N, C-alpha and C. Protein backbone atom coordinates (compact mmCIF):
# COMPACT_ATOMS: atom_id res chain seq x y z
N PRO A 1 -14.06 -0.45 -43.13
CA PRO A 1 -13.69 0.80 -43.78
C PRO A 1 -12.26 1.22 -43.46
N ALA A 2 -11.69 2.04 -44.28
CA ALA A 2 -10.34 2.57 -44.03
C ALA A 2 -10.46 3.83 -43.17
N PRO A 3 -9.41 4.16 -42.40
CA PRO A 3 -9.48 5.40 -41.63
C PRO A 3 -9.50 6.62 -42.55
N ALA A 4 -9.98 7.72 -42.02
CA ALA A 4 -10.03 9.02 -42.69
C ALA A 4 -11.29 9.22 -43.53
N PRO A 5 -11.59 8.41 -44.56
CA PRO A 5 -12.80 8.73 -45.32
C PRO A 5 -14.06 8.38 -44.54
N VAL A 6 -15.16 8.75 -45.09
CA VAL A 6 -16.44 8.40 -44.47
C VAL A 6 -17.14 7.32 -45.30
N ASP A 7 -16.38 6.31 -45.70
CA ASP A 7 -16.97 5.19 -46.41
C ASP A 7 -17.95 4.47 -45.50
N PRO A 8 -19.05 3.97 -46.06
CA PRO A 8 -20.03 3.29 -45.21
C PRO A 8 -19.62 1.85 -44.89
N ILE A 9 -20.17 1.36 -43.81
CA ILE A 9 -20.17 -0.08 -43.51
C ILE A 9 -21.38 -0.62 -44.26
N VAL A 10 -21.25 -1.78 -44.87
CA VAL A 10 -22.35 -2.40 -45.60
C VAL A 10 -22.63 -3.77 -44.98
N VAL A 11 -23.90 -3.99 -44.62
CA VAL A 11 -24.32 -5.27 -44.06
C VAL A 11 -25.40 -5.85 -44.97
N PRO A 12 -25.07 -6.91 -45.73
CA PRO A 12 -26.07 -7.52 -46.61
C PRO A 12 -26.87 -8.60 -45.87
N PHE A 13 -28.09 -8.82 -46.30
CA PHE A 13 -28.96 -9.86 -45.74
C PHE A 13 -29.40 -10.79 -46.88
N PRO A 14 -29.60 -12.07 -46.60
CA PRO A 14 -30.02 -13.00 -47.65
C PRO A 14 -31.48 -12.81 -48.08
N TRP A 15 -32.27 -12.09 -47.28
CA TRP A 15 -33.66 -11.81 -47.62
C TRP A 15 -34.03 -10.47 -47.01
N ALA A 16 -35.15 -9.93 -47.43
CA ALA A 16 -35.60 -8.63 -46.94
C ALA A 16 -35.96 -8.71 -45.45
N LEU A 17 -35.57 -7.67 -44.71
CA LEU A 17 -35.94 -7.54 -43.31
C LEU A 17 -36.84 -6.31 -43.16
N ASP A 18 -37.51 -6.21 -42.05
CA ASP A 18 -38.44 -5.12 -41.81
C ASP A 18 -37.73 -3.77 -41.79
N HIS A 19 -38.20 -2.85 -42.61
CA HIS A 19 -37.58 -1.53 -42.76
C HIS A 19 -37.52 -0.79 -41.42
N GLY A 20 -38.62 -0.76 -40.70
CA GLY A 20 -38.67 -0.07 -39.42
C GLY A 20 -37.71 -0.65 -38.40
N LEU A 21 -37.63 -1.97 -38.35
CA LEU A 21 -36.70 -2.61 -37.41
C LEU A 21 -35.25 -2.30 -37.78
N LEU A 22 -34.95 -2.30 -39.07
CA LEU A 22 -33.59 -1.99 -39.49
C LEU A 22 -33.16 -0.59 -39.08
N GLN A 23 -34.11 0.33 -39.03
CA GLN A 23 -33.79 1.69 -38.61
C GLN A 23 -33.49 1.78 -37.12
N ARG A 24 -34.12 0.92 -36.31
CA ARG A 24 -33.99 0.99 -34.85
C ARG A 24 -33.06 -0.05 -34.26
N ALA A 25 -32.87 -1.16 -34.93
CA ALA A 25 -32.22 -2.30 -34.29
C ALA A 25 -30.74 -2.46 -34.61
N LEU A 26 -30.18 -1.66 -35.51
CA LEU A 26 -28.77 -1.76 -35.85
C LEU A 26 -28.08 -0.42 -35.63
N GLY A 27 -26.82 -0.47 -35.24
CA GLY A 27 -26.06 0.76 -35.05
C GLY A 27 -24.58 0.44 -34.89
N VAL A 28 -23.80 1.47 -34.68
CA VAL A 28 -22.35 1.32 -34.52
C VAL A 28 -21.94 2.05 -33.25
N ARG A 29 -21.06 1.40 -32.47
CA ARG A 29 -20.53 2.00 -31.25
C ARG A 29 -19.02 1.91 -31.23
N ARG A 30 -18.43 2.82 -30.47
CA ARG A 30 -16.99 2.79 -30.22
C ARG A 30 -16.80 3.07 -28.74
N ALA A 31 -16.12 2.16 -28.04
CA ALA A 31 -15.90 2.28 -26.60
C ALA A 31 -17.23 2.49 -25.87
N GLY A 32 -18.27 1.79 -26.30
CA GLY A 32 -19.57 1.86 -25.65
C GLY A 32 -20.41 3.07 -25.98
N VAL A 33 -19.93 3.95 -26.85
CA VAL A 33 -20.65 5.17 -27.21
C VAL A 33 -21.12 5.07 -28.67
N GLU A 34 -22.37 5.44 -28.89
CA GLU A 34 -22.92 5.40 -30.24
C GLU A 34 -22.14 6.35 -31.16
N VAL A 35 -21.82 5.85 -32.34
CA VAL A 35 -21.15 6.67 -33.36
C VAL A 35 -22.24 7.37 -34.17
N PRO A 36 -22.24 8.70 -34.21
CA PRO A 36 -23.26 9.39 -35.00
C PRO A 36 -23.04 9.20 -36.50
N GLY A 37 -24.13 9.05 -37.22
CA GLY A 37 -24.02 8.87 -38.65
C GLY A 37 -25.38 8.67 -39.29
N VAL A 38 -25.36 8.28 -40.54
CA VAL A 38 -26.58 8.12 -41.33
C VAL A 38 -26.76 6.65 -41.70
N ILE A 39 -27.95 6.15 -41.44
CA ILE A 39 -28.31 4.77 -41.80
C ILE A 39 -28.99 4.80 -43.16
N GLY A 40 -28.67 3.81 -43.99
CA GLY A 40 -29.34 3.64 -45.26
C GLY A 40 -29.87 2.23 -45.38
N ILE A 41 -31.04 2.07 -45.98
CA ILE A 41 -31.63 0.76 -46.22
C ILE A 41 -31.90 0.67 -47.71
N HIS A 42 -31.30 -0.34 -48.35
CA HIS A 42 -31.26 -0.39 -49.81
C HIS A 42 -31.66 -1.77 -50.34
N ASP A 43 -31.80 -1.82 -51.64
CA ASP A 43 -32.03 -3.06 -52.38
C ASP A 43 -33.19 -3.87 -51.81
N GLY A 44 -34.32 -3.21 -51.61
CA GLY A 44 -35.50 -3.92 -51.12
C GLY A 44 -35.34 -4.45 -49.71
N GLU A 45 -34.71 -3.69 -48.84
CA GLU A 45 -34.44 -4.04 -47.44
C GLU A 45 -33.52 -5.25 -47.28
N THR A 46 -32.63 -5.46 -48.25
CA THR A 46 -31.66 -6.57 -48.13
C THR A 46 -30.24 -6.07 -47.88
N ARG A 47 -30.09 -4.74 -47.70
CA ARG A 47 -28.75 -4.19 -47.46
C ARG A 47 -28.88 -2.98 -46.55
N TRP A 48 -28.11 -3.00 -45.46
CA TRP A 48 -28.08 -1.90 -44.48
C TRP A 48 -26.72 -1.24 -44.56
N THR A 49 -26.70 0.09 -44.56
CA THR A 49 -25.43 0.81 -44.58
C THR A 49 -25.40 1.82 -43.44
N PHE A 50 -24.18 2.10 -42.99
CA PHE A 50 -23.97 3.13 -41.98
C PHE A 50 -22.80 3.99 -42.43
N THR A 51 -23.06 5.28 -42.58
CA THR A 51 -22.02 6.23 -42.95
C THR A 51 -21.81 7.16 -41.76
N PRO A 52 -20.60 7.16 -41.19
CA PRO A 52 -20.37 8.00 -40.01
C PRO A 52 -20.43 9.49 -40.37
N ARG A 53 -20.84 10.28 -39.40
CA ARG A 53 -20.88 11.73 -39.60
C ARG A 53 -19.48 12.29 -39.79
N ASP A 54 -18.54 11.77 -38.99
CA ASP A 54 -17.14 12.21 -39.06
C ASP A 54 -16.30 11.08 -39.65
N PRO A 55 -15.15 11.39 -40.20
CA PRO A 55 -14.29 10.33 -40.75
C PRO A 55 -13.95 9.26 -39.71
N TRP A 56 -13.84 8.02 -40.19
CA TRP A 56 -13.41 6.92 -39.33
C TRP A 56 -12.01 7.23 -38.80
N THR A 57 -11.76 6.83 -37.57
CA THR A 57 -10.41 6.88 -37.02
C THR A 57 -9.99 5.46 -36.69
N SER A 58 -8.71 5.20 -36.70
CA SER A 58 -8.22 3.85 -36.40
C SER A 58 -8.68 3.43 -35.02
N GLY A 59 -9.05 2.16 -34.90
CA GLY A 59 -9.45 1.63 -33.61
C GLY A 59 -10.52 0.56 -33.73
N ASP A 60 -11.01 0.14 -32.58
CA ASP A 60 -12.02 -0.92 -32.51
C ASP A 60 -13.42 -0.34 -32.40
N TYR A 61 -14.34 -0.94 -33.12
CA TYR A 61 -15.74 -0.55 -33.15
C TYR A 61 -16.59 -1.80 -32.96
N SER A 62 -17.89 -1.60 -32.78
CA SER A 62 -18.84 -2.70 -32.71
C SER A 62 -20.06 -2.38 -33.55
N LEU A 63 -20.49 -3.37 -34.33
CA LEU A 63 -21.80 -3.31 -34.96
C LEU A 63 -22.75 -3.86 -33.90
N ILE A 64 -23.76 -3.10 -33.54
CA ILE A 64 -24.70 -3.47 -32.50
C ILE A 64 -26.02 -3.85 -33.15
N ALA A 65 -26.58 -4.98 -32.72
CA ALA A 65 -27.89 -5.40 -33.19
C ALA A 65 -28.76 -5.74 -31.99
N LEU A 66 -29.93 -5.14 -31.91
CA LEU A 66 -30.88 -5.52 -30.86
C LEU A 66 -31.49 -6.86 -31.24
N SER A 67 -31.74 -7.70 -30.25
CA SER A 67 -32.26 -9.04 -30.54
C SER A 67 -33.68 -9.00 -31.10
N MET A 68 -34.34 -7.84 -31.12
CA MET A 68 -35.67 -7.74 -31.72
C MET A 68 -35.63 -7.90 -33.24
N LEU A 69 -34.44 -7.75 -33.86
CA LEU A 69 -34.32 -7.88 -35.31
C LEU A 69 -34.65 -9.32 -35.69
N GLU A 70 -35.58 -9.48 -36.62
CA GLU A 70 -36.00 -10.83 -36.99
C GLU A 70 -36.16 -10.97 -38.49
N ASP A 71 -36.08 -12.23 -38.94
CA ASP A 71 -36.26 -12.51 -40.36
C ASP A 71 -37.75 -12.63 -40.67
N PRO A 72 -38.11 -12.82 -41.94
CA PRO A 72 -39.53 -12.89 -42.31
C PRO A 72 -40.29 -14.03 -41.63
N ALA A 73 -39.61 -15.07 -41.18
CA ALA A 73 -40.27 -16.20 -40.50
C ALA A 73 -40.41 -15.96 -38.99
N GLY A 74 -39.90 -14.84 -38.50
CA GLY A 74 -40.01 -14.53 -37.09
C GLY A 74 -38.85 -15.01 -36.24
N ASN A 75 -37.80 -15.52 -36.85
CA ASN A 75 -36.62 -15.94 -36.11
C ASN A 75 -35.85 -14.70 -35.69
N ARG A 76 -35.47 -14.64 -34.41
CA ARG A 76 -34.75 -13.49 -33.89
C ARG A 76 -33.31 -13.85 -33.58
N LEU A 77 -32.48 -12.82 -33.54
CA LEU A 77 -31.09 -12.98 -33.14
C LEU A 77 -31.01 -13.48 -31.70
N GLY A 78 -30.08 -14.37 -31.43
CA GLY A 78 -29.79 -14.77 -30.07
C GLY A 78 -30.75 -15.75 -29.44
N ARG A 79 -31.69 -16.31 -30.20
CA ARG A 79 -32.56 -17.33 -29.62
C ARG A 79 -32.93 -18.36 -30.67
N ALA A 80 -33.20 -19.53 -30.20
CA ALA A 80 -33.54 -20.63 -31.11
C ALA A 80 -34.91 -20.40 -31.74
N PHE A 81 -35.11 -21.00 -32.90
CA PHE A 81 -36.36 -20.91 -33.63
C PHE A 81 -37.53 -21.32 -32.74
N GLU A 82 -38.60 -20.52 -32.74
CA GLU A 82 -39.84 -20.78 -32.03
C GLU A 82 -39.67 -21.00 -30.53
N VAL A 83 -38.68 -20.36 -29.93
CA VAL A 83 -38.50 -20.46 -28.49
C VAL A 83 -38.77 -19.09 -27.90
N MET A 84 -39.71 -19.05 -26.96
CA MET A 84 -40.00 -17.79 -26.28
C MET A 84 -40.13 -18.09 -24.80
N GLY A 85 -40.12 -17.07 -24.00
CA GLY A 85 -40.27 -17.27 -22.58
C GLY A 85 -39.75 -16.07 -21.82
N ALA A 86 -39.58 -16.25 -20.53
CA ALA A 86 -39.14 -15.14 -19.67
C ALA A 86 -37.78 -14.61 -20.08
N ALA A 87 -36.93 -15.46 -20.65
CA ALA A 87 -35.58 -15.04 -21.02
C ALA A 87 -35.54 -14.33 -22.37
N ASP A 88 -36.68 -14.20 -23.03
CA ASP A 88 -36.73 -13.58 -24.36
C ASP A 88 -36.73 -12.06 -24.22
N ASP A 89 -35.56 -11.45 -24.21
CA ASP A 89 -35.41 -10.01 -24.06
C ASP A 89 -35.21 -9.39 -25.44
N ARG A 90 -36.24 -8.70 -25.94
CA ARG A 90 -36.19 -8.12 -27.28
C ARG A 90 -35.21 -6.96 -27.39
N ARG A 91 -34.64 -6.50 -26.25
CA ARG A 91 -33.69 -5.40 -26.30
C ARG A 91 -32.28 -5.84 -25.94
N ALA A 92 -32.05 -7.15 -25.89
CA ALA A 92 -30.69 -7.62 -25.64
C ALA A 92 -29.81 -7.23 -26.83
N LEU A 93 -28.55 -6.96 -26.54
CA LEU A 93 -27.62 -6.53 -27.58
C LEU A 93 -26.73 -7.67 -28.05
N ILE A 94 -26.56 -7.73 -29.34
CA ILE A 94 -25.59 -8.61 -29.97
C ILE A 94 -24.51 -7.69 -30.54
N GLU A 95 -23.25 -7.95 -30.22
CA GLU A 95 -22.16 -7.10 -30.72
C GLU A 95 -21.24 -7.90 -31.63
N ILE A 96 -20.89 -7.29 -32.74
CA ILE A 96 -19.92 -7.88 -33.66
C ILE A 96 -18.80 -6.84 -33.80
N GLY A 97 -17.64 -7.19 -33.34
CA GLY A 97 -16.52 -6.27 -33.37
C GLY A 97 -15.87 -6.16 -34.74
N PHE A 98 -15.34 -4.98 -35.04
CA PHE A 98 -14.54 -4.78 -36.24
C PHE A 98 -13.54 -3.68 -35.96
N SER A 99 -12.49 -3.65 -36.74
CA SER A 99 -11.43 -2.65 -36.55
C SER A 99 -11.24 -1.82 -37.80
N VAL A 100 -10.90 -0.58 -37.58
CA VAL A 100 -10.50 0.32 -38.65
C VAL A 100 -8.99 0.49 -38.49
N LYS A 101 -8.25 0.18 -39.55
CA LYS A 101 -6.79 0.23 -39.48
C LYS A 101 -6.22 1.26 -40.42
């Protein structure tokens, strides 16, 4: 997004994901602090949007995803297909950085 407006971030998925998980497992942070805003789930759960409460300001942000987010086959972020065990932490964070310029 560009600074100043409250344009949403849009995250598309190749297939539908669980609506409830999308509400809890994705978010946006800046300097480790959650950015307040509104989450939207669209197009049959194949598109997630985040619109900040306040206008974007220039700087670095992170899209945060909890590793509990999974596809329809049960594959989760951050672990190989059909691998489970003691190291399987469903609340581990995956961060994808982005900048507003």
